[in-house]
Amino acid sequence: MSGFRCLALETGVRPSTVAACNGDRHFETSVPSGAKIAAALYETIDKVLDEVDISLDDLDCIAFGRGPGAFTGLRVAAAAAQGLATGLGIRVCAVSSLAALAQDAWDRAPGRTWIAPALPAGREQLYLGWYRIGDSGLVSPQADDWLAPTAQSRLPGTARFVAAGKIWSEDEALPAANASRIAAVADSAAPRARAVLRLAKQEYGEGRLLRPEDARPVYLRSALGDPAYKA
């Protein structure tokens, strides 16, 4: 799918990022901080589309980081994707922000098969994912993303893994609960629009798209106490 044309938004973490691709041409940039995120987002969208020489009317789909992440930021990306796609008459692709974090960790330092991305959720909780790298070099979920108390955040299975996300370096309880299995810590990795873009290309090719009205964030708050993963 060399001609894939897509806009990707990831606003659930700071800095927020926007990326676009036009076939083999890719560009990503951060949304300026210190400004109202919604207004700055649309200005940044114009910039990345110009960089890859396409317009909104050329897009095959719009991808967005669906979360988990910051409540307000997730709503901004979902609303922008929904509004733009509705006007253009195209579909959207909702990508897990934990999948984007895992993909960013792999893209920075390919190596280990298993990746455990983690994001802070506040109130001594965190969001966790469990991902495996496929032959295509893209991550795939081996469990549903879940929310758990930081002190009880043990990863399923027995495989050694890359711990992705700065919380692995900032929190003592999380690495302590998984110390014997951590092969490396990718604390500079983050959910980024360029990773959302990579994963969206596969989703588009396999037809896993949503109607614009179904573009909604995922918060995972309701999962507390009932982590949805298979050991």
Protein backbone atom coordinates (compact mmCIF):
# COMPACT_ATOMS: atom_id res chain seq x y z
CA MET A 1 0.00 0.00 0.00
CA SER A 2 2.63 2.49 -1.09
CA GLY A 3 0.03 5.15 -1.85
CA PHE A 4 -1.48 5.29 1.64
CA ARG A 5 -2.42 8.84 2.62
CA CYS A 6 -3.27 9.45 6.23
CA LEU A 7 -3.32 12.08 8.97
CA ALA A 8 -2.56 10.92 12.53
CA LEU A 9 -3.21 12.71 15.83
CA GLU A 10 -1.89 11.84 19.29
CA THR A 11 -2.93 14.33 21.98
CA GLY A 12 -3.33 12.13 25.06
CA VAL A 13 0.20 12.92 26.28
CA ARG A 14 2.48 15.95 26.20
CA PRO A 15 3.90 16.95 23.87
CA SER A 16 0.99 16.26 21.55
CA THR A 17 2.05 15.27 18.03
CA VAL A 18 0.62 15.25 14.52
CA ALA A 19 1.91 13.21 11.57
CA ALA A 20 0.94 12.63 7.97
CA CYS A 21 2.02 10.38 5.16
CA ASN A 22 1.64 10.55 1.41
CA GLY A 23 2.89 7.23 0.17
CA ASP A 24 6.56 7.05 1.17
CA ARG A 25 6.65 10.67 2.35
CA HIS A 26 6.22 11.09 6.10
CA PHE A 27 6.36 14.05 8.44
CA GLU A 28 5.71 14.51 12.15
CA THR A 29 5.86 17.52 14.43
CA SER A 30 4.80 18.52 17.94
CA VAL A 31 1.82 20.73 18.67
CA PRO A 32 3.12 24.00 20.19
CA SER A 33 2.82 24.03 23.97
CA GLY A 34 1.46 26.93 25.95
CA ALA A 35 -1.42 27.46 23.54
CA LYS A 36 -4.99 26.21 23.52
CA ILE A 37 -4.62 22.67 22.27
CA ALA A 38 -7.62 22.66 19.93
CA ALA A 39 -6.61 25.80 18.03
CA ALA A 40 -2.94 24.82 17.89
CA LEU A 41 -3.87 21.34 16.66
CA TYR A 42 -5.55 22.58 13.49
CA GLU A 43 -2.63 24.87 12.68
CA THR A 44 -0.27 21.92 13.10
CA ILE A 45 -2.44 19.74 10.87
CA ASP A 46 -2.11 22.30 8.08
CA LYS A 47 1.66 22.28 8.53
CA VAL A 48 2.16 18.50 8.33
CA LEU A 49 -0.12 18.16 5.31
CA ASP A 50 1.88 20.86 3.52
CA GLU A 51 5.11 19.02 4.32
CA VAL A 52 3.96 15.86 2.55
CA ASP A 53 2.20 17.79 -0.23
CA ILE A 54 -1.38 16.65 0.27
CA SER A 55 -4.63 18.28 1.32
CA LEU A 56 -7.41 17.05 3.56
CA ASP A 57 -9.38 16.05 0.47
CA ASP A 58 -6.61 13.60 -0.51
CA LEU A 59 -6.75 11.55 2.72
CA ASP A 60 -7.71 7.88 2.81
CA CYS A 61 -8.49 8.04 6.52
CA ILE A 62 -7.75 9.91 9.73
CA ALA A 63 -6.11 8.08 12.62
CA PHE A 64 -6.04 9.13 16.25
CA GLY A 65 -4.62 7.88 19.52
CA ARG A 66 -7.72 6.69 21.33
CA GLY A 67 -6.07 6.44 24.74
CA PRO A 68 -5.67 5.67 27.48
CA GLY A 69 -4.21 9.01 28.49
CA ALA A 70 -5.16 12.49 29.65
CA PHE A 71 -8.92 13.01 29.57
CA THR A 72 -8.97 16.41 27.88
CA GLY A 73 -6.28 15.55 25.35
CA LEU A 74 -7.99 12.35 24.26
CA ARG A 75 -11.25 14.20 23.70
CA VAL A 76 -9.51 16.76 21.48
CA ALA A 77 -8.03 14.14 19.14
CA ALA A 78 -11.26 12.13 18.92
CA ALA A 79 -13.35 15.23 18.26
CA ALA A 80 -10.95 16.50 15.61
CA ALA A 81 -10.83 13.14 13.84
CA GLN A 82 -14.61 12.85 13.99
CA GLY A 83 -15.25 16.36 12.71
CA LEU A 84 -12.73 16.24 9.88
CA ALA A 85 -13.69 12.75 8.72
CA THR A 86 -17.40 13.59 8.75
CA GLY A 87 -16.81 16.61 6.54
CA LEU A 88 -14.59 14.63 4.18
CA GLY A 89 -16.80 11.54 4.03
CA ILE A 90 -14.00 9.16 5.06
CA ARG A 91 -13.45 6.67 7.89
CA VAL A 92 -11.31 6.93 11.00
CA CYS A 93 -8.82 4.58 12.61
CA ALA A 94 -8.64 4.43 16.42
CA VAL A 95 -5.20 3.27 17.64
CA SER A 96 -4.38 2.37 21.23
CA SER A 97 -2.01 4.94 22.72
CA LEU A 98 -0.28 2.08 24.56
CA ALA A 99 0.23 0.34 21.20
CA ALA A 100 1.74 3.57 19.87
CA LEU A 101 4.05 3.72 22.90
CA ALA A 102 5.13 0.11 22.37
CA GLN A 103 5.71 0.78 18.66
CA ASP A 104 7.78 3.88 19.42
CA ALA A 105 9.96 1.85 21.79
CA TRP A 106 10.56 -0.79 19.11
CA ASP A 107 11.24 1.77 16.38
CA ARG A 108 13.86 3.46 18.55
CA ALA A 109 15.67 0.24 19.48
CA PRO A 110 14.53 -2.96 17.72
CA GLY A 111 15.38 -6.13 19.54
CA ARG A 112 13.19 -7.83 22.11
CA THR A 113 9.98 -9.60 21.09
CA TRP A 114 7.83 -8.51 24.03
CA ILE A 115 7.06 -4.93 25.08
CA ALA A 116 5.18 -3.70 28.15
CA PRO A 117 4.13 -0.07 27.63
CA ALA A 118 2.95 1.85 30.70
CA LEU A 119 1.44 5.30 31.24
CA PRO A 120 0.60 7.04 34.52
CA ALA A 121 -3.09 7.18 35.39
CA GLY A 122 -2.87 9.15 38.66
CA ARG A 123 -4.09 8.07 42.10
CA GLU A 124 -1.29 5.48 42.34
CA GLN A 125 -2.60 3.70 39.25
CA LEU A 126 -1.26 3.16 35.77
CA TYR A 127 -2.28 1.97 32.35
CA LEU A 128 -0.53 -1.15 31.11
CA GLY A 129 -0.32 -3.04 27.85
CA TRP A 130 1.22 -6.33 26.73
CA TYR A 131 2.47 -6.39 23.12
CA ARG A 132 4.47 -8.63 20.84
CA ILE A 133 6.42 -7.67 17.72
CA GLY A 134 5.33 -9.46 14.57
CA ASP A 135 7.29 -10.30 11.43
CA SER A 136 6.15 -7.00 9.91
CA GLY A 137 7.92 -5.03 12.63
CA LEU A 138 4.60 -3.83 14.03
CA VAL A 139 3.29 -4.49 17.52
CA SER A 140 0.16 -6.52 18.15
CA PRO A 141 -1.73 -6.78 21.46
CA GLN A 142 -1.47 -10.01 23.39
CA ALA A 143 -3.96 -8.78 25.99
CA ASP A 144 -6.45 -5.97 26.36
CA ASP A 145 -4.95 -2.75 27.73
CA TRP A 146 -5.79 -2.46 31.41
CA LEU A 147 -5.74 -0.18 34.46
CA ALA A 148 -4.21 -1.37 37.73
CA PRO A 149 -2.77 -0.16 41.03
CA THR A 150 0.92 0.55 40.49
CA ALA A 151 2.05 -1.73 43.32
CA GLN A 152 0.14 -4.71 41.84
CA SER A 153 1.15 -4.28 38.21
CA ARG A 154 2.64 -7.63 37.28
CA LEU A 155 2.85 -8.53 33.62
CA PRO A 156 1.33 -11.80 32.38
CA GLY A 157 3.37 -14.80 31.32
CA THR A 158 7.06 -15.39 31.97
CA ALA A 159 8.82 -13.73 29.00
CA ARG A 160 11.41 -11.01 29.48
CA PHE A 161 10.34 -7.70 28.00
CA VAL A 162 11.20 -4.12 27.19
CA ALA A 163 9.62 -1.73 29.69
CA ALA A 164 8.38 1.21 27.59
CA GLY A 165 7.57 4.62 29.03
CA LYS A 166 9.20 7.00 31.49
CA ILE A 167 7.06 5.78 34.38
CA TRP A 168 9.24 2.65 34.46
CA SER A 169 12.10 4.88 35.60
CA GLU A 170 10.07 7.27 37.74
CA ASP A 171 8.09 4.80 39.86
CA GLU A 172 9.76 2.32 42.21
CA ALA A 173 6.88 -0.09 42.70
CA LEU A 174 6.33 -0.91 39.04
CA PRO A 175 9.84 -2.17 38.17
CA ALA A 176 10.09 -3.84 41.57
CA ALA A 177 7.02 -5.95 40.81
CA ASN A 178 8.59 -7.15 37.53
CA ALA A 179 12.31 -6.85 38.22
CA SER A 180 13.38 -10.34 37.15
CA ARG A 181 11.75 -9.99 33.73
CA ILE A 182 12.80 -6.52 32.58
CA ALA A 183 15.34 -6.90 29.76
CA ALA A 184 15.62 -3.16 29.03
CA VAL A 185 13.92 0.12 29.87
CA ALA A 186 12.89 2.42 27.01
CA ASP A 187 12.05 5.44 29.15
CA SER A 188 12.40 7.92 26.30
CA ALA A 189 9.65 6.19 24.28
CA ALA A 190 6.24 7.87 24.13
CA PRO A 191 2.96 7.55 22.24
CA ARG A 192 3.65 9.54 19.09
CA ALA A 193 1.63 10.32 15.99
CA ARG A 194 4.24 8.69 13.74
CA ALA A 195 3.65 5.37 15.53
CA VAL A 196 -0.12 5.87 15.28
CA LEU A 197 0.42 6.39 11.56
CA ARG A 198 2.40 3.16 11.16
CA LEU A 199 -0.21 1.11 12.97
CA ALA A 200 -3.07 2.81 11.14
CA LYS A 201 -1.64 1.73 7.79
CA GLN A 202 -2.02 -1.90 8.81
CA GLU A 203 -5.52 -1.29 10.20
CA TYR A 204 -6.53 0.41 6.96
CA GLY A 205 -5.16 -2.41 4.84
CA GLU A 206 -7.13 -4.94 6.87
CA GLY A 207 -10.32 -2.90 6.77
CA ARG A 208 -10.53 -2.21 10.51
CA LEU A 209 -11.93 1.30 10.32
CA LEU A 210 -14.72 3.15 12.12
CA ARG A 211 -17.45 5.50 11.06
CA PRO A 212 -16.64 9.06 12.19
CA GLU A 213 -19.47 9.05 14.72
CA ASP A 214 -17.82 6.06 16.43
CA ALA A 215 -14.55 7.92 17.06
CA ARG A 216 -14.43 7.88 20.84
CA PRO A 217 -11.63 7.92 23.42
CA VAL A 218 -10.89 4.97 25.68
CA TYR A 219 -10.29 5.85 29.33
CA LEU A 220 -10.16 2.38 30.99
CA ARG A 221 -11.37 3.75 34.33
CA SER A 222 -14.09 1.12 34.49
CA ALA A 223 -11.45 -1.62 34.31
CA LEU A 224 -10.07 -0.89 37.81
CA GLY A 225 -10.11 -4.06 39.86
CA ASP A 226 -10.86 -6.21 36.81
CA PRO A 227 -7.76 -6.19 34.58
CA ALA A 228 -8.65 -7.70 31.25
CA TYR A 229 -5.67 -9.79 30.35
CA LYS A 230 -4.81 -13.42 29.93
CA ALA A 231 -1.86 -14.71 31.91
